[in-house]
Amino acid sequence: IREISQHLSVDILTADTFKTALSELEGLPCTVNLLGNSFTNLDA
């Protein structure tokens, strides 16, 4: 992620099933987009 972020902007989209995304991605050059507790229409 650190390496690719030198070339591309990085966005992470997640419903965060394990509730760990924010802590696991903390300090990395990416934007974490939490898609909420509802699993409805995640693909859309």
Full PDB file with SEQRES, HELIX, SHEET, SSBOND, CRYST1, ORIGX, SCALE, CONECT and MASTER records, all heavy atoms in Angstrom:
SEQRES   1 A   44  ILE ARG GLU ILE SER GLN HIS LEU SER VAL ASP ILE LEU          
SEQRES   2 A   44  THR ALA ASP THR PHE LYS THR ALA LEU SER GLU LEU GLU          
SEQRES   3 A   44  GLY LEU PRO CYS THR VAL ASN LEU LEU GLY ASN SER PHE          
SEQRES   4 A   44  THR ASN LEU ASP ALA                                          
HELIX    1 AA1 ILE A    4  GLN A    6  5                                   3    
HELIX    2 AA2 ALA A   21  LEU A   25  1                                   5    
SHEET    1 AA1 2 ASP A  11  THR A  14  0                                        
SHEET    2 AA1 2 THR A  31  LEU A  34  1                                        
CRYST1    1.000    1.000    1.000  90.00  90.00  90.00 P 1           1          
ORIGX1      1.000000  0.000000  0.000000        0.00000                         
ORIGX2      0.000000  1.000000  0.000000        0.00000                         
ORIGX3      0.000000  0.000000  1.000000        0.00000                         
SCALE1      1.000000  0.000000  0.000000        0.00000                         
SCALE2      0.000000  1.000000  0.000000        0.00000                         
SCALE3      0.000000  0.000000  1.000000        0.00000                         
ATOM      1  N   ILE A   1       0.847  -1.194   0.000  1.00  0.00           N  
ATOM      2  CA  ILE A   1       0.000   0.000   0.000  1.00  0.00           C  
ATOM      3  C   ILE A   1       0.884   1.247   0.000  1.00  0.00           C  
ATOM      4  O   ILE A   1       0.639   2.188  -0.751  1.00  0.00           O  
ATOM      5  CB  ILE A   1      -0.973   0.001   1.198  1.00  0.00           C  
ATOM      6  CG1 ILE A   1      -2.028  -1.088   1.011  1.00  0.00           C  
ATOM      7  CG2 ILE A   1      -1.630   1.376   1.361  1.00  0.00           C  
ATOM      8  CD1 ILE A   1      -2.925  -1.314   2.218  1.00  0.00           C  
ATOM      9  N   ARG A   2       1.930   1.231   0.815  1.00  0.00           N  
ATOM     10  CA  ARG A   2       2.857   2.372   0.831  1.00  0.00           C  
ATOM     11  C   ARG A   2       3.489   2.574  -0.547  1.00  0.00           C  
ATOM     12  O   ARG A   2       3.613   3.695  -1.031  1.00  0.00           O  
ATOM     13  CB  ARG A   2       3.949   2.157   1.877  1.00  0.00           C  
ATOM     14  CG  ARG A   2       3.498   2.369   3.292  1.00  0.00           C  
ATOM     15  CD  ARG A   2       4.657   2.250   4.293  1.00  0.00           C  
ATOM     16  NE  ARG A   2       4.152   2.271   5.643  1.00  0.00           N  
ATOM     17  CZ  ARG A   2       3.875   1.173   6.362  1.00  0.00           C  
ATOM     18  NH1 ARG A   2       4.095  -0.025   5.867  1.00  0.00           N  
ATOM     19  NH2 ARG A   2       3.403   1.298   7.589  1.00  0.00           N  
ATOM     20  N   GLU A   3       3.883   1.484  -1.164  1.00  0.00           N  
ATOM     21  CA  GLU A   3       4.555   1.566  -2.468  1.00  0.00           C  
ATOM     22  C   GLU A   3       3.607   2.039  -3.572  1.00  0.00           C  
ATOM     23  O   GLU A   3       3.936   2.941  -4.338  1.00  0.00           O  
ATOM     24  CB  GLU A   3       5.149   0.198  -2.819  1.00  0.00           C  
ATOM     25  CG  GLU A   3       6.102   0.229  -3.978  1.00  0.00           C  
ATOM     26  CD  GLU A   3       6.815  -1.104  -4.199  1.00  0.00           C  
ATOM     27  OE1 GLU A   3       6.686  -2.024  -3.366  1.00  0.00           O  
ATOM     28  OE2 GLU A   3       7.504  -1.210  -5.228  1.00  0.00           O  
ATOM     29  N   ILE A   4       2.419   1.465  -3.631  1.00  0.00           N  
ATOM     30  CA  ILE A   4       1.489   1.813  -4.714  1.00  0.00           C  
ATOM     31  C   ILE A   4       0.958   3.237  -4.539  1.00  0.00           C  
ATOM     32  O   ILE A   4       0.627   3.912  -5.521  1.00  0.00           O  
ATOM     33  CB  ILE A   4       0.334   0.792  -4.824  1.00  0.00           C  
ATOM     34  CG1 ILE A   4      -0.292   0.823  -6.229  1.00  0.00           C  
ATOM     35  CG2 ILE A   4      -0.749   1.020  -3.786  1.00  0.00           C  
ATOM     36  CD1 ILE A   4       0.528   0.212  -7.299  1.00  0.00           C  
ATOM     37  N   SER A   5       0.912   3.729  -3.296  1.00  0.00           N  
ATOM     38  CA  SER A   5       0.394   5.076  -3.053  1.00  0.00           C  
ATOM     39  C   SER A   5       1.308   6.156  -3.626  1.00  0.00           C  
ATOM     40  O   SER A   5       0.898   7.311  -3.732  1.00  0.00           O  
ATOM     41  CB  SER A   5       0.184   5.318  -1.555  1.00  0.00           C  
ATOM     42  OG  SER A   5       1.428   5.446  -0.899  1.00  0.00           O  
ATOM     43  N   GLN A   6       2.516   5.784  -4.029  1.00  0.00           N  
ATOM     44  CA  GLN A   6       3.396   6.735  -4.697  1.00  0.00           C  
ATOM     45  C   GLN A   6       2.943   6.977  -6.140  1.00  0.00           C  
ATOM     46  O   GLN A   6       3.392   7.927  -6.784  1.00  0.00           O  
ATOM     47  CB  GLN A   6       4.834   6.217  -4.668  1.00  0.00           C  
ATOM     48  CG  GLN A   6       5.395   6.121  -3.270  1.00  0.00           C  
ATOM     49  CD  GLN A   6       6.769   5.467  -3.247  1.00  0.00           C  
ATOM     50  OE1 GLN A   6       7.538   5.600  -4.195  1.00  0.00           O  
ATOM     51  NE2 GLN A   6       7.065   4.777  -2.166  1.00  0.00           N  
ATOM     52  N   HIS A   7       2.056   6.110  -6.639  1.00  0.00           N  
ATOM     53  CA  HIS A   7       1.587   6.192  -8.022  1.00  0.00           C  
ATOM     54  C   HIS A   7       0.079   6.429  -8.130  1.00  0.00           C  
ATOM     55  O   HIS A   7      -0.378   7.022  -9.107  1.00  0.00           O  
ATOM     56  CB  HIS A   7       1.927   4.896  -8.767  1.00  0.00           C  
ATOM     57  CG  HIS A   7       3.358   4.508  -8.674  1.00  0.00           C  
ATOM     58  ND1 HIS A   7       4.342   5.097  -9.426  1.00  0.00           N  
ATOM     59  CD2 HIS A   7       3.988   3.610  -7.868  1.00  0.00           C  
ATOM     60  CE1 HIS A   7       5.513   4.566  -9.117  1.00  0.00           C  
ATOM     61  NE2 HIS A   7       5.322   3.664  -8.174  1.00  0.00           N  
ATOM     62  N   LEU A   8      -0.685   5.918  -7.170  1.00  0.00           N  
ATOM     63  CA  LEU A   8      -2.147   5.971  -7.218  1.00  0.00           C  
ATOM     64  C   LEU A   8      -2.703   6.441  -5.882  1.00  0.00           C  
ATOM     65  O   LEU A   8      -2.123   6.162  -4.833  1.00  0.00           O  
ATOM     66  CB  LEU A   8      -2.724   4.571  -7.499  1.00  0.00           C  
ATOM     67  CG  LEU A   8      -2.240   3.815  -8.728  1.00  0.00           C  
ATOM     68  CD1 LEU A   8      -2.814   2.409  -8.742  1.00  0.00           C  
ATOM     69  CD2 LEU A   8      -2.618   4.566 -10.001  1.00  0.00           C  
ATOM     70  N   SER A   9      -3.853   7.105  -5.927  1.00  0.00           N  
ATOM     71  CA  SER A   9      -4.557   7.355  -4.668  1.00  0.00           C  
ATOM     72  C   SER A   9      -5.225   6.039  -4.273  1.00  0.00           C  
ATOM     73  O   SER A   9      -5.681   5.284  -5.131  1.00  0.00           O  
ATOM     74  CB  SER A   9      -5.588   8.468  -4.822  1.00  0.00           C  
ATOM     75  OG  SER A   9      -6.637   8.060  -5.656  1.00  0.00           O  
ATOM     76  N   VAL A  10      -5.260   5.747  -2.998  1.00  0.00           N  
ATOM     77  CA  VAL A  10      -5.753   4.457  -2.511  1.00  0.00           C  
ATOM     78  C   VAL A  10      -6.962   4.678  -1.612  1.00  0.00           C  
ATOM     79  O   VAL A  10      -6.883   5.387  -0.604  1.00  0.00           O  
ATOM     80  CB  VAL A  10      -4.652   3.694  -1.737  1.00  0.00           C  
ATOM     81  CG1 VAL A  10      -5.183   2.352  -1.228  1.00  0.00           C  
ATOM     82  CG2 VAL A  10      -3.413   3.493  -2.610  1.00  0.00           C  
ATOM     83  N   ASP A  11      -8.079   4.066  -1.994  1.00  0.00           N  
ATOM     84  CA  ASP A  11      -9.311   4.095  -1.201  1.00  0.00           C  
ATOM     85  C   ASP A  11      -9.688   2.669  -0.833  1.00  0.00           C  
ATOM     86  O   ASP A  11      -9.714   1.788  -1.698  1.00  0.00           O  
ATOM     87  CB  ASP A  11     -10.467   4.706  -1.997  1.00  0.00           C  
ATOM     88  CG  ASP A  11     -10.402   6.210  -2.030  1.00  0.00           C  
ATOM     89  OD1 ASP A  11     -10.782   6.825  -1.020  1.00  0.00           O  
ATOM     90  OD2 ASP A  11      -9.969   6.764  -3.061  1.00  0.00           O  
ATOM     91  N   ILE A  12      -9.993   2.470   0.428  1.00  0.00           N  
ATOM     92  CA  ILE A  12     -10.440   1.175   0.916  1.00  0.00           C  
ATOM     93  C   ILE A  12     -11.924   1.306   1.246  1.00  0.00           C  
ATOM     94  O   ILE A  12     -12.320   2.195   2.010  1.00  0.00           O  
ATOM     95  CB  ILE A  12      -9.663   0.739   2.180  1.00  0.00           C  
ATOM     96  CG1 ILE A  12      -8.147   0.897   1.992  1.00  0.00           C  
ATOM     97  CG2 ILE A  12     -10.059  -0.680   2.585  1.00  0.00           C  
ATOM     98  CD1 ILE A  12      -7.533   0.137   0.853  1.00  0.00           C  
ATOM     99  N   LEU A  13     -12.742   0.422   0.670  1.00  0.00           N  
ATOM    100  CA  LEU A  13     -14.181   0.408   0.921  1.00  0.00           C  
ATOM    101  C   LEU A  13     -14.500  -0.846   1.731  1.00  0.00           C  
ATOM    102  O   LEU A  13     -14.146  -1.947   1.312  1.00  0.00           O  
ATOM    103  CB  LEU A  13     -14.966   0.360  -0.394  1.00  0.00           C  
ATOM    104  CG  LEU A  13     -14.656   1.416  -1.446  1.00  0.00           C  
ATOM    105  CD1 LEU A  13     -15.560   1.221  -2.658  1.00  0.00           C  
ATOM    106  CD2 LEU A  13     -14.822   2.806  -0.880  1.00  0.00           C  
ATOM    107  N   THR A  14     -15.156  -0.680   2.862  1.00  0.00           N  
ATOM    108  CA  THR A  14     -15.395  -1.854   3.696  1.00  0.00           C  
ATOM    109  C   THR A  14     -16.625  -1.713   4.583  1.00  0.00           C  
ATOM    110  O   THR A  14     -16.927  -0.618   5.063  1.00  0.00           O  
ATOM    111  CB  THR A  14     -14.163  -2.169   4.574  1.00  0.00           C  
ATOM    112  OG1 THR A  14     -14.403  -3.354   5.318  1.00  0.00           O  
ATOM    113  CG2 THR A  14     -13.817  -1.022   5.507  1.00  0.00           C  
ATOM    114  N   ALA A  15     -17.303  -2.827   4.787  1.00  0.00           N  
ATOM    115  CA  ALA A  15     -18.347  -2.909   5.803  1.00  0.00           C  
ATOM    116  C   ALA A  15     -17.703  -3.289   7.134  1.00  0.00           C  
ATOM    117  O   ALA A  15     -18.363  -3.285   8.163  1.00  0.00           O  
ATOM    118  CB  ALA A  15     -19.399  -3.934   5.417  1.00  0.00           C  
ATOM    119  N   ASP A  16     -16.417  -3.605   7.094  1.00  0.00           N  
ATOM    120  CA  ASP A  16     -15.600  -3.869   8.285  1.00  0.00           C  
ATOM    121  C   ASP A  16     -16.177  -4.982   9.156  1.00  0.00           C  
ATOM    122  O   ASP A  16     -16.437  -4.803  10.347  1.00  0.00           O  
ATOM    123  CB  ASP A  16     -15.410  -2.574   9.086  1.00  0.00           C  
ATOM    124  CG  ASP A  16     -14.177  -2.617   9.972  1.00  0.00           C  
ATOM    125  OD1 ASP A  16     -13.350  -3.541   9.822  1.00  0.00           O  
ATOM    126  OD2 ASP A  16     -14.045  -1.718  10.815  1.00  0.00           O  
ATOM    127  N   THR A  17     -16.318  -6.137   8.557  1.00  0.00           N  
ATOM    128  CA  THR A  17     -16.893  -7.306   9.222  1.00  0.00           C  
ATOM    129  C   THR A  17     -16.262  -7.585  10.580  1.00  0.00           C  
ATOM    130  O   THR A  17     -16.954  -7.892  11.549  1.00  0.00           O  
ATOM    131  CB  THR A  17     -16.737  -8.543   8.313  1.00  0.00           C  
ATOM    132  OG1 THR A  17     -17.351  -8.266   7.052  1.00  0.00           O  
ATOM    133  CG2 THR A  17     -17.350  -9.784   8.933  1.00  0.00           C  
ATOM    134  N   PHE A  18     -14.944  -7.467  10.676  1.00  0.00           N  
ATOM    135  CA  PHE A  18     -14.229  -7.781  11.913  1.00  0.00           C  
ATOM    136  C   PHE A  18     -13.987  -6.552  12.802  1.00  0.00           C  
ATOM    137  O   PHE A  18     -13.372  -6.659  13.856  1.00  0.00           O  
ATOM    138  CB  PHE A  18     -12.887  -8.461  11.602  1.00  0.00           C  
ATOM    139  CG  PHE A  18     -13.051  -9.821  10.985  1.00  0.00           C  
ATOM    140  CD1 PHE A  18     -13.076  -9.975   9.601  1.00  0.00           C  
ATOM    141  CD2 PHE A  18     -13.179 -10.945  11.784  1.00  0.00           C  
ATOM    142  CE1 PHE A  18     -13.227 -11.227   9.029  1.00  0.00           C  
ATOM    143  CE2 PHE A  18     -13.324 -12.205  11.215  1.00  0.00           C  
ATOM    144  CZ  PHE A  18     -13.354 -12.346   9.838  1.00  0.00           C  
ATOM    145  N   LYS A  19     -14.424  -5.380  12.327  1.00  0.00           N  
ATOM    146  CA  LYS A  19     -14.251  -4.113  13.075  1.00  0.00           C  
ATOM    147  C   LYS A  19     -12.774  -3.810  13.368  1.00  0.00           C  
ATOM    148  O   LYS A  19     -12.420  -3.305  14.424  1.00  0.00           O  
ATOM    149  CB  LYS A  19     -15.047  -4.142  14.393  1.00  0.00           C  
ATOM    150  CG  LYS A  19     -16.507  -4.456  14.226  1.00  0.00           C  
ATOM    151  CD  LYS A  19     -17.208  -3.414  13.387  1.00  0.00           C  
ATOM    152  CE  LYS A  19     -18.695  -3.708  13.279  1.00  0.00           C  
ATOM    153  NZ  LYS A  19     -19.211  -3.601  11.933  1.00  0.00           N  
ATOM    154  N   THR A  20     -11.917  -4.104  12.389  1.00  0.00           N  
ATOM    155  CA  THR A  20     -10.480  -3.886  12.560  1.00  0.00           C  
ATOM    156  C   THR A  20      -9.872  -2.970  11.498  1.00  0.00           C  
ATOM    157  O   THR A  20      -8.694  -2.636  11.591  1.00  0.00           O  
ATOM    158  CB  THR A  20      -9.730  -5.233  12.494  1.00  0.00           C  
ATOM    159  OG1 THR A  20      -9.994  -5.842  11.218  1.00  0.00           O  
ATOM    160  CG2 THR A  20     -10.140  -6.171  13.621  1.00  0.00           C  
ATOM    161  N   ALA A  21     -10.643  -2.585  10.492  1.00  0.00           N  
ATOM    162  CA  ALA A  21     -10.082  -1.863   9.349  1.00  0.00           C  
ATOM    163  C   ALA A  21      -9.369  -0.583   9.768  1.00  0.00           C  
ATOM    164  O   ALA A  21      -8.251  -0.325   9.320  1.00  0.00           O  
ATOM    165  CB  ALA A  21     -11.163  -1.554   8.313  1.00  0.00           C  
ATOM    166  N   LEU A  22      -9.988   0.216  10.596  1.00  0.00           N  
ATOM    167  CA  LEU A  22      -9.373   1.496  10.982  1.00  0.00           C  
ATOM    168  C   LEU A  22      -8.051   1.280  11.713  1.00  0.00           C  
ATOM    169  O   LEU A  22      -7.061   1.948  11.416  1.00  0.00           O  
ATOM    170  CB  LEU A  22     -10.325   2.326  11.832  1.00  0.00           C  
ATOM    171  CG  LEU A  22     -11.537   2.899  11.094  1.00  0.00           C  
ATOM    172  CD1 LEU A  22     -12.483   3.600  12.072  1.00  0.00           C  
ATOM    173  CD2 LEU A  22     -11.111   3.843   9.988  1.00  0.00           C  
ATOM    174  N   SER A  23      -8.019   0.355  12.642  1.00  0.00           N  
ATOM    175  CA  SER A  23      -6.773   0.131  13.383  1.00  0.00           C  
ATOM    176  C   SER A  23      -5.715  -0.543  12.510  1.00  0.00           C  
ATOM    177  O   SER A  23      -4.532  -0.201  12.593  1.00  0.00           O  
ATOM    178  CB  SER A  23      -7.027  -0.691  14.650  1.00  0.00           C  
ATOM    179  OG  SER A  23      -7.559  -1.959  14.330  1.00  0.00           O  
ATOM    180  N   GLU A  24      -6.105  -1.468  11.650  1.00  0.00           N  
ATOM    181  CA  GLU A  24      -5.147  -2.168  10.796  1.00  0.00           C  
ATOM    182  C   GLU A  24      -4.553  -1.251   9.722  1.00  0.00           C  
ATOM    183  O   GLU A  24      -3.405  -1.428   9.320  1.00  0.00           O  
ATOM    184  CB  GLU A  24      -5.794  -3.392  10.136  1.00  0.00           C  
ATOM    185  CG  GLU A  24      -6.081  -4.525  11.086  1.00  0.00           C  
ATOM    186  CD  GLU A  24      -4.829  -5.164  11.655  1.00  0.00           C  
ATOM    187  OE1 GLU A  24      -3.938  -5.545  10.871  1.00  0.00           O  
ATOM    188  OE2 GLU A  24      -4.725  -5.263  12.896  1.00  0.00           O  
ATOM    189  N   LEU A  25      -5.323  -0.274   9.263  1.00  0.00           N  
ATOM    190  CA  LEU A  25      -4.871   0.619   8.194  1.00  0.00           C  
ATOM    191  C   LEU A  25      -4.333   1.957   8.724  1.00  0.00           C  
ATOM    192  O   LEU A  25      -3.883   2.792   7.941  1.00  0.00           O  
ATOM    193  CB  LEU A  25      -6.012   0.868   7.206  1.00  0.00           C  
ATOM    194  CG  LEU A  25      -6.456  -0.375   6.428  1.00  0.00           C  
ATOM    195  CD1 LEU A  25      -7.812  -0.161   5.780  1.00  0.00           C  
ATOM    196  CD2 LEU A  25      -5.409  -0.769   5.400  1.00  0.00           C  
ATOM    197  N   GLU A  26      -4.358   2.126  10.030  1.00  0.00           N  
ATOM    198  CA  GLU A  26      -3.901   3.374  10.638  1.00  0.00           C  
ATOM    199  C   GLU A  26      -2.452   3.687  10.237  1.00  0.00           C  
ATOM    200  O   GLU A  26      -1.581   2.831  10.263  1.00  0.00           O  
ATOM    201  CB  GLU A  26      -3.988   3.283  12.159  1.00  0.00           C  
ATOM    202  CG  GLU A  26      -3.668   4.584  12.849  1.00  0.00           C  
ATOM    203  CD  GLU A  26      -3.839   4.495  14.358  1.00  0.00           C  
ATOM    204  OE1 GLU A  26      -4.099   3.400  14.889  1.00  0.00           O  
ATOM    205  OE2 GLU A  26      -3.697   5.540  15.007  1.00  0.00           O  
ATOM    206  N   GLY A  27      -2.231   4.931   9.822  1.00  0.00           N  
ATOM    207  CA  GLY A  27      -0.899   5.380   9.440  1.00  0.00           C  
ATOM    208  C   GLY A  27      -0.500   5.067   8.016  1.00  0.00           C  
ATOM    209  O   GLY A  27       0.556   5.498   7.560  1.00  0.00           O  
ATOM    210  N   LEU A  28      -1.326   4.336   7.302  1.00  0.00           N  
ATOM    211  CA  LEU A  28      -1.021   4.019   5.898  1.00  0.00           C  
ATOM    212  C   LEU A  28      -1.585   5.105   4.987  1.00  0.00           C  
ATOM    213  O   LEU A  28      -2.607   5.724   5.300  1.00  0.00           O  
ATOM    214  CB  LEU A  28      -1.592   2.652   5.519  1.00  0.00           C  
ATOM    215  CG  LEU A  28      -0.922   1.462   6.194  1.00  0.00           C  
ATOM    216  CD1 LEU A  28      -1.644   0.162   5.837  1.00  0.00           C  
ATOM    217  CD2 LEU A  28       0.541   1.370   5.791  1.00  0.00           C  
ATOM    218  N   PRO A  29      -0.947   5.326   3.834  1.00  0.00           N  
ATOM    219  CA  PRO A  29      -1.395   6.375   2.907  1.00  0.00           C  
ATOM    220  C   PRO A  29      -2.616   5.933   2.094  1.00  0.00           C  
ATOM    221  O   PRO A  29      -2.531   5.644   0.900  1.00  0.00           O  
ATOM    222  CB  PRO A  29      -0.169   6.598   2.025  1.00  0.00           C  
ATOM    223  CG  PRO A  29       0.534   5.281   2.036  1.00  0.00           C  
ATOM    224  CD  PRO A  29       0.291   4.692   3.386  1.00  0.00           C  
ATOM    225  N   CYS A  30      -3.746   5.835   2.780  1.00  0.00           N  
ATOM    226  CA  CYS A  30      -4.986   5.449   2.124  1.00  0.00           C  
ATOM    227  C   CYS A  30      -6.146   6.096   2.864  1.00  0.00           C  
ATOM    228  O   CYS A  30      -6.000   6.538   4.000  1.00  0.00           O  
ATOM    229  CB  CYS A  30      -5.144   3.924   2.101  1.00  0.00           C  
ATOM    230  SG  CYS A  30      -5.279   3.157   3.726  1.00  0.00           S  
ATOM    231  N   THR A  31      -7.284   6.144   2.199  1.00  0.00           N  
ATOM    232  CA  THR A  31      -8.507   6.629   2.809  1.00  0.00           C  
ATOM    233  C   THR A  31      -9.406   5.443   3.063  1.00  0.00           C  
ATOM    234  O   THR A  31      -9.664   4.651   2.148  1.00  0.00           O  
ATOM    235  CB  THR A  31      -9.219   7.633   1.880  1.00  0.00           C  
ATOM    236  OG1 THR A  31      -8.316   8.708   1.595  1.00  0.00           O  
ATOM    237  CG2 THR A  31     -10.484   8.178   2.511  1.00  0.00           C  
ATOM    238  N   VAL A  32      -9.860   5.290   4.294  1.00  0.00           N  
ATOM    239  CA  VAL A  32     -10.749   4.190   4.655  1.00  0.00           C  
ATOM    240  C   VAL A  32     -12.180   4.703   4.625  1.00  0.00           C  
ATOM    241  O   VAL A  32     -12.504   5.697   5.281  1.00  0.00           O  
ATOM    242  CB  VAL A  32     -10.412   3.625   6.050  1.00  0.00           C  
ATOM    243  CG1 VAL A  32     -11.336   2.456   6.390  1.00  0.00           C  
ATOM    244  CG2 VAL A  32      -8.949   3.192   6.117  1.00  0.00           C  
ATOM    245  N   ASN A  33     -13.004   4.029   3.852  1.00  0.00           N  
ATOM    246  CA  ASN A  33     -14.408   4.402   3.705  1.00  0.00           C  
ATOM    247  C   ASN A  33     -15.258   3.296   4.328  1.00  0.00           C  
ATOM    248  O   ASN A  33     -15.412   2.223   3.733  1.00  0.00           O  
ATOM    249  CB  ASN A  33     -14.765   4.563   2.228  1.00  0.00           C  
ATOM    250  CG  ASN A  33     -13.926   5.623   1.562  1.00  0.00           C  
ATOM    251  OD1 ASN A  33     -14.258   6.789   1.600  1.00  0.00           O  
ATOM    252  ND2 ASN A  33     -12.808   5.219   0.960  1.00  0.00           N  
ATOM    253  N   LEU A  34     -15.769   3.544   5.530  1.00  0.00           N  
ATOM    254  CA  LEU A  34     -16.630   2.571   6.198  1.00  0.00           C  
ATOM    255  C   LEU A  34     -18.025   2.687   5.613  1.00  0.00           C  
ATOM    256  O   LEU A  34     -18.599   3.780   5.565  1.00  0.00           O  
ATOM    257  CB  LEU A  34     -16.657   2.823   7.704  1.00  0.00           C  
ATOM    258  CG  LEU A  34     -15.309   2.694   8.425  1.00  0.00           C  
ATOM    259  CD1 LEU A  34     -15.451   3.067   9.896  1.00  0.00           C  
ATOM    260  CD2 LEU A  34     -14.736   1.285   8.279  1.00  0.00           C  
ATOM    261  N   LEU A  35     -18.558   1.564   5.178  1.00  0.00           N  
ATOM    262  CA  LEU A  35     -19.842   1.582   4.488  1.00  0.00           C  
ATOM    263  C   LEU A  35     -21.019   1.298   5.408  1.00  0.00           C  
ATOM    264  O   LEU A  35     -22.106   0.987   4.940  1.00  0.00           O  
ATOM    265  CB  LEU A  35     -19.811   0.601   3.320  1.00  0.00           C  
ATOM    266  CG  LEU A  35     -18.764   0.930   2.262  1.00  0.00           C  
ATOM    267  CD1 LEU A  35     -18.755  -0.123   1.161  1.00  0.00           C  
ATOM    268  CD2 LEU A  35     -18.977   2.310   1.672  1.00  0.00           C  
ATOM    269  N   GLY A  36     -20.809   1.378   6.706  1.00  0.00           N  
ATOM    270  CA  GLY A  36     -21.904   1.263   7.655  1.00  0.00           C  
ATOM    271  C   GLY A  36     -22.220  -0.155   8.064  1.00  0.00           C  
ATOM    272  O   GLY A  36     -21.655  -1.118   7.561  1.00  0.00           O  
ATOM    273  N   ASN A  37     -23.151  -0.257   8.973  1.00  0.00           N  
ATOM    274  CA  ASN A  37     -23.520  -1.548   9.543  1.00  0.00           C  
ATOM    275  C   ASN A  37     -24.440  -2.350   8.643  1.00  0.00           C  
ATOM    276  O   ASN A  37     -24.555  -3.551   8.785  1.00  0.00           O  
ATOM    277  CB  ASN A  37     -24.194  -1.342  10.906  1.00  0.00           C  
ATOM    278  CG  ASN A  37     -23.237  -0.737  11.915  1.00  0.00           C  
ATOM    279  OD1 ASN A  37     -22.042  -0.966  11.843  1.00  0.00           O  
ATOM    280  ND2 ASN A  37     -23.771   0.034  12.846  1.00  0.00           N  
ATOM    281  N   SER A  38     -25.111  -1.692   7.736  1.00  0.00           N  
ATOM    282  CA  SER A  38     -26.038  -2.390   6.852  1.00  0.00           C  
ATOM    283  C   SER A  38     -25.281  -3.030   5.697  1.00  0.00           C  
ATOM    284  O   SER A  38     -24.489  -2.385   5.013  1.00  0.00           O  
ATOM    285  CB  SER A  38     -27.065  -1.408   6.288  1.00  0.00           C  
ATOM    286  OG  SER A  38     -27.812  -2.035   5.272  1.00  0.00           O  
ATOM    287  N   PHE A  39     -25.511  -4.306   5.512  1.00  0.00           N  
ATOM    288  CA  PHE A  39     -24.854  -5.005   4.412  1.00  0.00           C  
ATOM    289  C   PHE A  39     -25.704  -4.934   3.133  1.00  0.00           C  
ATOM    290  O   PHE A  39     -25.367  -5.521   2.127  1.00  0.00           O  
ATOM    291  CB  PHE A  39     -24.566  -6.464   4.791  1.00  0.00           C  
ATOM    292  CG  PHE A  39     -23.532  -6.572   5.870  1.00  0.00           C  
ATOM    293  CD1 PHE A  39     -23.907  -6.821   7.174  1.00  0.00           C  
ATOM    294  CD2 PHE A  39     -22.195  -6.389   5.586  1.00  0.00           C  
ATOM    295  CE1 PHE A  39     -22.946  -6.910   8.178  1.00  0.00           C  
ATOM    296  CE2 PHE A  39     -21.229  -6.462   6.579  1.00  0.00           C  
ATOM    297  CZ  PHE A  39     -21.611  -6.722   7.880  1.00  0.00           C  
ATOM    298  N   THR A  40     -26.796  -4.182   3.189  1.00  0.00           N  
ATOM    299  CA  THR A  40     -27.685  -4.041   2.048  1.00  0.00           C  
ATOM    300  C   THR A  40     -27.043  -3.189   0.962  1.00  0.00           C  
ATOM    301  O   THR A  40     -26.506  -2.121   1.237  1.00  0.00           O  
ATOM    302  CB  THR A  40     -29.018  -3.387   2.481  1.00  0.00           C  
ATOM    303  OG1 THR A  40     -29.545  -4.135   3.562  1.00  0.00           O  
ATOM    304  CG2 THR A  40     -30.007  -3.357   1.337  1.00  0.00           C  
ATOM    305  N   ASN A  41     -27.088  -3.677  -0.251  1.00  0.00           N  
ATOM    306  CA  ASN A  41     -26.623  -2.940  -1.433  1.00  0.00           C  
ATOM    307  C   ASN A  41     -25.152  -2.529  -1.367  1.00  0.00           C  
ATOM    308  O   ASN A  41     -24.772  -1.510  -1.934  1.00  0.00           O  
ATOM    309  CB  ASN A  41     -27.486  -1.698  -1.683  1.00  0.00           C  
ATOM    310  CG  ASN A  41     -28.911  -2.058  -2.020  1.00  0.00           C  
ATOM    311  OD1 ASN A  41     -29.163  -3.050  -2.696  1.00  0.00           O  
ATOM    312  ND2 ASN A  41     -29.835  -1.266  -1.550  1.00  0.00           N  
ATOM    313  N   LEU A  42     -24.325  -3.302  -0.692  1.00  0.00           N  
ATOM    314  CA  LEU A  42     -22.896  -2.975  -0.661  1.00  0.00           C  
ATOM    315  C   LEU A  42     -22.314  -2.927  -2.060  1.00  0.00           C  
ATOM    316  O   LEU A  42     -21.513  -2.049  -2.374  1.00  0.00           O  
ATOM    317  CB  LEU A  42     -22.116  -3.994   0.178  1.00  0.00           C  
ATOM    318  CG  LEU A  42     -22.116  -3.806   1.673  1.00  0.00           C  
ATOM    319  CD1 LEU A  42     -21.344  -4.935   2.333  1.00  0.00           C  
ATOM    320  CD2 LEU A  42     -21.535  -2.471   2.062  1.00  0.00           C  
ATOM    321  N   ASP A  43     -22.711  -3.889  -2.890  1.00  0.00           N  
ATOM    322  CA  ASP A  43     -22.160  -3.923  -4.251  1.00  0.00           C  
ATOM    323  C   ASP A  43     -22.530  -2.669  -5.027  1.00  0.00           C  
ATOM    324  O   ASP A  43     -21.699  -2.097  -5.734  1.00  0.00           O  
ATOM    325  CB  ASP A  43     -22.556  -5.192  -4.997  1.00  0.00           C  
ATOM    326  CG  ASP A  43     -24.059  -5.407  -5.088  1.00  0.00           C  
ATOM    327  OD1 ASP A  43     -24.820  -4.798  -4.322  1.00  0.00           O  
ATOM    328  OD2 ASP A  43     -24.478  -6.234  -5.927  1.00  0.00           O  
ATOM    329  N   ALA A  44     -23.739  -2.173  -4.875  1.00  0.00           N  
ATOM    330  CA  ALA A  44     -24.165  -0.951  -5.577  1.00  0.00           C  
ATOM    331  C   ALA A  44     -23.439   0.275  -5.019  1.00  0.00           C  
ATOM    332  O   ALA A  44     -23.062   1.176  -5.773  1.00  0.00           O  
ATOM    333  CB  ALA A  44     -25.674  -0.771  -5.447  1.00  0.00           C  
TER     334      ALA A  44                                                      
MASTER        0    0    0    2    2    0    0    6  333    1    0    4          
END                                                                             
